[in-house]
Protein backbone atom coordinates (compact mmCIF):
# COMPACT_ATOMS: atom_id res chain seq x y z
CA MET A 1 3.88 20.13 5.00
CA ILE A 2 5.72 21.25 1.88
CA TRP A 3 7.04 18.60 -0.50
CA ASN A 4 9.44 19.00 -3.41
CA LYS A 5 8.60 16.56 -6.15
CA ARG A 6 11.75 14.82 -7.40
CA GLY A 7 10.14 13.03 -10.35
CA ILE A 8 9.75 9.44 -11.44
CA VAL A 9 12.28 7.10 -9.84
CA TRP A 10 11.58 3.93 -11.77
CA ALA A 11 9.44 2.96 -14.74
CA PRO A 12 8.92 -0.42 -16.41
CA THR A 13 10.90 -1.04 -19.58
CA LYS A 14 10.69 -3.49 -22.47
CA GLN A 15 13.44 -5.48 -20.76
CA LEU A 16 11.03 -6.21 -17.90
CA GLY A 17 9.49 -9.08 -19.82
CA GLY A 18 6.26 -7.43 -20.90
CA TYR A 19 5.24 -6.18 -17.47
CA THR A 20 3.77 -2.69 -17.13
CA HIS A 21 3.15 -0.19 -14.30
CA GLY A 22 5.03 0.44 -11.08
CA MET A 23 2.18 0.36 -8.58
CA GLY A 24 2.15 0.90 -4.82
CA PRO A 25 5.83 1.67 -4.07
CA THR A 26 6.64 0.18 -0.66
CA PRO A 27 10.03 1.23 0.82
CA PHE A 28 11.89 -0.92 3.35
CA ARG A 29 15.34 -0.37 4.89
CA ILE A 30 17.50 -3.34 3.86
CA ASP A 31 20.71 -1.90 5.27
CA GLU A 32 22.11 1.47 6.30
CA ASP A 33 22.65 2.57 2.71
CA THR A 34 19.80 0.96 0.80
CA LEU A 35 16.04 1.21 0.60
CA ARG A 36 14.38 -1.73 -1.10
CA VAL A 37 11.19 -0.53 -2.76
CA PHE A 38 8.75 -3.37 -3.36
CA VAL A 39 6.59 -2.51 -6.33
CA THR A 40 3.72 -4.18 -8.16
CA VAL A 41 3.99 -4.73 -11.92
CA LEU A 42 1.17 -5.96 -14.16
CA ASP A 43 1.25 -8.78 -16.70
CA SER A 44 -0.63 -8.88 -20.00
CA LYS A 45 -3.80 -9.97 -18.16
CA GLY A 46 -3.57 -7.06 -15.73
CA ARG A 47 -2.56 -9.29 -12.80
CA GLY A 48 -0.15 -7.92 -10.21
CA HIS A 49 3.27 -9.42 -9.50
CA ILE A 50 5.70 -8.16 -6.85
CA GLN A 51 9.28 -7.24 -7.63
CA TYR A 52 11.75 -4.85 -6.00
CA VAL A 53 13.88 -1.85 -6.88
CA ASP A 54 16.85 -0.82 -4.69
CA VAL A 55 17.57 2.89 -4.25
CA LEU A 56 20.11 4.84 -2.24
CA ALA A 57 18.86 5.77 1.23
CA GLU A 58 20.58 9.16 1.02
CA ASP A 59 19.08 9.87 -2.42
CA PRO A 60 16.13 7.63 -3.40
CA THR A 61 16.07 9.08 -6.90
CA ARG A 62 19.12 6.91 -7.65
CA VAL A 63 18.38 3.30 -8.53
CA VAL A 64 21.24 0.95 -7.63
CA GLY A 65 19.67 -2.42 -8.44
CA GLN A 66 16.50 -4.41 -8.96
CA SER A 67 15.28 -7.99 -8.94
CA ASP A 68 15.65 -9.97 -12.16
CA GLY A 69 11.90 -10.39 -12.22
CA PRO A 70 8.97 -10.83 -9.85
CA VAL A 71 9.73 -12.36 -6.46
CA LEU A 72 6.08 -13.33 -5.94
CA GLY A 73 3.21 -13.77 -8.38
CA PRO A 74 -0.51 -14.58 -8.40
CA GLY A 75 -1.75 -17.52 -6.36
CA ILE A 76 -2.89 -20.93 -7.52
CA PRO A 77 -6.14 -21.15 -9.52
CA GLY A 78 -9.16 -20.74 -7.29
CA SER A 79 -7.26 -19.04 -4.47
CA PHE A 80 -8.03 -15.60 -3.04
CA ASP A 81 -5.10 -14.06 -4.94
CA ASP A 82 -5.28 -15.86 -8.29
CA ASN A 83 -6.01 -12.62 -10.17
CA GLY A 84 -2.98 -10.75 -8.88
CA ILE A 85 -1.29 -9.38 -5.79
CA MET A 86 -0.03 -6.01 -4.54
CA ALA A 87 2.77 -5.44 -2.03
CA LEU A 88 1.79 -3.13 0.82
CA SER A 89 3.72 -3.56 4.07
CA PRO A 90 7.04 -5.28 4.89
CA VAL A 91 7.95 -5.82 8.56
CA ARG A 92 11.11 -7.17 10.16
CA ALA A 93 9.86 -9.94 12.47
CA PRO A 94 11.63 -10.74 15.77
CA CYS A 95 13.16 -13.85 14.17
CA GLY A 96 14.90 -11.69 11.55
CA ARG A 97 12.64 -12.79 8.72
CA ILE A 98 10.73 -10.24 6.65
CA PHE A 99 6.95 -10.50 6.72
CA LEU A 100 5.47 -8.97 3.56
CA TYR A 101 1.76 -8.25 3.79
CA TYR A 102 -0.02 -7.97 0.46
CA ALA A 103 -3.46 -7.63 -1.11
CA GLY A 104 -4.84 -10.53 -3.13
CA PHE A 105 -7.41 -9.98 -5.89
CA GLU A 106 -10.15 -12.42 -6.84
CA ILE A 107 -12.56 -11.87 -9.75
CA CYS A 108 -16.22 -12.54 -8.90
CA HIS A 109 -19.48 -12.97 -10.85
CA HIS A 110 -22.07 -10.94 -8.95
CA ILE A 111 -19.65 -8.29 -7.72
CA ARG A 112 -16.59 -7.10 -9.60
CA TYR A 113 -13.99 -8.51 -7.23
CA ARG A 114 -12.95 -9.29 -3.67
CA ILE A 115 -9.67 -8.20 -2.06
CA MET A 116 -8.26 -9.98 0.99
CA THR A 117 -4.87 -9.87 2.74
CA GLY A 118 -2.09 -12.41 2.36
CA LEU A 119 1.34 -12.90 3.90
CA ALA A 120 4.64 -13.88 2.29
CA ILE A 121 7.86 -14.52 4.22
CA SER A 122 11.49 -13.96 3.25
CA GLU A 123 14.39 -15.84 4.85
CA ASP A 124 17.09 -14.03 2.82
CA ASN A 125 16.58 -10.35 3.62
CA GLY A 126 13.96 -9.69 0.97
CA LYS A 127 15.50 -11.39 -2.08
CA THR A 128 12.92 -14.17 -2.32
CA PHE A 129 9.54 -14.84 -0.71
CA GLN A 130 7.32 -17.81 -0.01
CA ARG A 131 3.63 -17.68 0.79
CA TYR A 132 2.71 -18.31 4.39
CA SER A 133 -0.55 -19.85 3.18
CA ASN A 134 -2.71 -20.21 0.08
CA THR A 135 -5.54 -18.76 2.14
CA PRO A 136 -5.71 -15.15 3.38
CA ILE A 137 -4.63 -14.13 6.86
CA LEU A 138 -7.50 -11.62 6.74
CA ASP A 139 -10.37 -13.62 5.31
CA ARG A 140 -13.91 -12.38 4.74
CA SER A 141 -16.31 -12.24 7.63
CA ASP A 142 -19.91 -11.10 8.16
CA GLU A 143 -18.75 -7.62 9.19
CA GLU A 144 -16.06 -7.29 6.50
CA LEU A 145 -17.44 -9.27 3.59
CA TYR A 146 -15.82 -8.06 0.37
CA PHE A 147 -12.69 -6.18 1.40
CA ARG A 148 -10.10 -6.80 4.12
CA CYS A 149 -7.09 -5.34 2.45
CA GLY A 150 -4.62 -2.45 2.17
CA PRO A 151 -2.70 -3.54 5.29
CA PHE A 152 -0.03 -1.52 7.04
CA VAL A 153 1.64 -3.36 9.92
CA LEU A 154 3.81 -1.95 12.69
CA LEU A 155 5.63 -4.09 15.26
CA ASN A 156 5.38 -2.22 18.55
CA ASP A 157 6.42 -3.57 21.98
CA GLY A 158 6.13 -7.16 20.77
CA LYS A 159 2.67 -6.61 19.32
CA PHE A 160 1.81 -6.56 15.61
CA ARG A 161 -0.54 -3.62 14.95
CA MET A 162 -2.41 -3.46 11.65
CA TRP A 163 -4.31 -0.66 9.97
CA TYR A 164 -6.29 -1.80 6.94
CA VAL A 165 -9.38 -1.02 4.91
CA ALA A 166 -12.56 -3.09 5.01
CA GLY A 167 -16.11 -3.01 3.77
CA SER A 168 -19.18 -4.95 2.64
CA ARG A 169 -20.78 -2.63 0.11
CA TRP A 170 -20.68 -1.38 -3.47
CA ILE A 171 -22.17 1.81 -4.91
CA ASP A 172 -22.89 3.04 -8.42
CA VAL A 173 -20.59 5.83 -9.59
CA ALA A 174 -21.36 7.12 -13.11
CA GLY A 175 -22.68 3.73 -14.14
CA LYS A 176 -19.80 1.74 -12.65
CA GLN A 177 -19.87 -0.30 -9.46
CA MET A 178 -17.28 1.01 -6.99
CA PRO A 179 -16.26 -0.38 -3.58
CA VAL A 180 -16.99 1.28 -0.24
CA TYR A 181 -14.56 0.81 2.65
CA ASP A 182 -13.19 2.65 5.66
CA LEU A 183 -10.15 2.31 7.94
CA ARG A 184 -10.03 -0.51 10.50
CA TYR A 185 -7.55 -1.58 13.19
CA ALA A 186 -6.53 -4.98 14.58
CA GLU A 187 -3.74 -6.57 16.64
CA SER A 188 -1.87 -9.89 16.58
CA ASP A 189 0.69 -11.58 18.81
CA ASP A 190 2.54 -13.37 16.01
CA GLY A 191 1.71 -11.36 12.87
CA MET A 192 0.09 -14.41 11.27
CA THR A 193 -3.12 -14.96 13.23
CA TRP A 194 -5.59 -12.08 13.22
CA PRO A 195 -9.15 -11.55 14.47
CA SER A 196 -12.13 -11.95 12.14
CA ARG A 197 -12.99 -8.27 12.45
CA GLY A 198 -11.29 -5.04 13.43
CA CYS A 199 -12.55 -1.87 15.03
CA VAL A 200 -13.36 1.17 12.91
CA SER A 201 -10.41 3.54 13.25
CA MET A 202 -11.49 6.24 10.78
CA ALA A 203 -14.94 6.28 9.22
CA LEU A 204 -16.07 7.86 5.97
CA THR A 205 -17.75 11.15 6.77
CA ASP A 206 -17.68 13.06 3.47
CA GLY A 207 -20.45 12.25 1.01
CA ASP A 208 -17.99 12.66 -1.88
CA GLU A 209 -15.77 9.88 -0.55
CA HIS A 210 -16.38 6.16 -0.97
CA GLY A 211 -13.11 4.70 0.23
CA PHE A 212 -9.72 5.12 1.86
CA GLY A 213 -6.74 3.43 0.23
CA ARG A 214 -3.33 2.20 1.31
CA PRO A 215 -2.85 3.52 4.88
CA TRP A 216 0.76 4.21 5.90
CA VAL A 217 1.46 4.94 9.56
CA VAL A 218 4.52 6.73 10.97
CA LYS A 219 5.09 6.59 14.71
CA ARG A 220 7.11 9.64 15.71
CA GLY A 221 6.83 9.18 19.48
CA PRO A 222 4.88 7.35 22.21
CA ASP A 223 1.87 9.63 21.68
CA ASP A 224 2.50 10.91 18.17
CA TYR A 225 1.26 9.07 15.08
CA GLN A 226 0.94 10.21 11.48
CA LEU A 227 -1.34 8.60 8.93
CA PHE A 228 -0.80 9.01 5.20
CA TYR A 229 -3.53 7.56 2.99
CA SER A 230 -5.40 7.84 -0.29
CA ILE A 231 -8.98 9.06 -0.73
CA ARG A 232 -11.32 7.79 -3.45
CA ARG A 233 -13.51 10.73 -4.47
CA THR A 234 -16.76 10.20 -6.37
CA SER A 235 -16.74 13.62 -8.06
CA LEU A 236 -13.21 13.19 -9.39
CA GLY A 237 -13.32 9.50 -10.17
CA ALA A 238 -9.75 9.43 -8.91
CA TYR A 239 -7.55 9.35 -5.84
CA ARG A 240 -6.15 12.22 -3.81
CA LEU A 241 -3.84 12.04 -0.80
CA GLY A 242 -4.95 12.53 2.79
CA TYR A 243 -3.23 13.06 6.12
CA ALA A 244 -4.27 12.55 9.76
CA GLU A 245 -2.76 12.59 13.24
CA SER A 246 -3.39 10.60 16.42
CA SER A 247 -2.12 10.27 19.99
CA ASP A 248 -2.77 6.51 20.16
CA GLY A 249 -3.01 5.26 16.58
CA LEU A 250 -6.66 4.37 17.12
CA SER A 251 -8.63 7.61 16.78
CA TRP A 252 -7.52 9.99 14.05
CA THR A 253 -7.95 13.72 13.43
CA ARG A 254 -8.05 14.37 9.71
CA LYS A 255 -5.84 17.19 8.46
CA ASP A 256 -5.99 16.56 4.74
CA THR A 257 -5.24 20.17 3.81
CA GLU A 258 -1.88 19.85 5.56
CA MET A 259 -0.68 17.01 3.33
CA GLY A 260 0.73 19.45 0.80
CA LEU A 261 1.22 16.92 -2.01
CA ASP A 262 -1.26 17.08 -4.88
CA VAL A 263 -1.61 16.58 -8.63
CA THR A 264 0.47 18.53 -11.15
CA PRO A 265 -1.64 19.52 -14.19
CA GLY A 266 -0.09 18.19 -17.37
CA GLY A 267 2.24 15.85 -15.52
CA PHE A 268 2.25 12.09 -15.07
CA ASP A 269 0.23 12.82 -11.92
CA GLY A 270 -2.06 15.38 -13.52
CA LYS A 271 -5.35 13.61 -12.79
CA ALA A 272 -4.64 11.39 -9.80
CA ILE A 273 -2.15 10.94 -6.98
CA MET A 274 -2.16 7.93 -4.67
CA TYR A 275 -0.45 5.25 -2.58
CA SER A 276 1.79 7.48 -0.47
CA ALA A 277 4.51 5.73 1.56
CA VAL A 278 6.64 7.93 3.80
CA VAL A 279 10.07 7.00 5.13
CA GLU A 280 12.90 8.84 6.87
CA ALA A 281 16.43 8.03 5.70
CA GLN A 282 19.75 9.74 6.38
CA GLY A 283 18.01 12.61 8.13
CA ARG A 284 15.65 13.37 5.24
CA THR A 285 11.99 12.45 4.74
CA TRP A 286 10.73 10.99 1.49
CA CYS A 287 7.29 10.19 0.13
CA PHE A 288 6.98 7.55 -2.58
CA TYR A 289 3.76 7.66 -4.59
CA ASN A 290 1.95 6.95 -7.88
CA GLY A 291 0.21 9.20 -10.37
CA ASP A 292 -2.33 8.63 -13.14
CA GLY A 293 -3.40 5.13 -14.10
CA PHE A 294 -2.37 3.49 -10.82
CA GLY A 295 1.33 3.84 -11.57
CA ALA A 296 1.22 3.51 -15.36
CA ALA A 297 4.30 5.76 -15.61
CA GLY A 298 6.12 4.04 -12.72
CA PHE A 299 6.60 5.40 -9.21
CA ALA A 300 7.87 8.77 -8.05
CA VAL A 301 9.29 10.35 -4.90
CA ALA A 302 8.99 13.72 -3.19
CA GLU A 303 11.21 15.18 -0.44
CA LEU A 304 9.81 16.92 2.62
CA ALA A 305 11.02 20.52 2.66
CA GLU A 306 9.04 21.77 5.66
């Protein structure tokens, strides 16, 4: 693949109420002309809040609106998401509501943090959201103890299919404890009730890798799936983008060298590139992503040229 970088689409401003970053851009088709990009902004304590930015479907570099402020914030004290949340996957449910799957962060004492998956629901086409529950829909289990997060959900033939990352281990990287997790897969009939464990869909095989981040699945045909994801590399101490293909969405063949979207030395994405989200709109294919500092400069977009 060959991508043409189109630059930063949206960056936080002083008018945003003190929030910083534009992390994990998550595009969703609101209508024929508009993509609503859910994005995570950080408060002064570094906690994530979800807001949205509307862009033109025919040209996502053009912002046409945004929410007045966050549409969902951290959970109640003591909950799994009381230290911030991150939007990851919106799905139009059969009832017409929007299910927004998100990661919830919880600070711990003996490990740095836990990340589980929550669900928020919109009754007004993505303008406002309410939590489905104050507890996670993917809670910790013996097999997936510290991380059950990074969800991407696809509604296919009446079945909710989820790809997510999970793990139960930390490692030391240059004196800092870092999480270890691979790609898992699970299914649900209603999108709200999920099994306590998933099957491993793509395992870590490279000794320089300690985690996959933010899977994004594109189904191009009955037997044709694409997986866009981020790779945490020990040697770099930063993310790079990966790409894989599958005939069933369960077993993946990695083709990372074919991704074709990498860092630009000296740019806002000069040291890291992450959180790819690919969407087709008006006959063109776009990839939203973040650069250095987990979206410190905002979020950007690239257009598929080949």
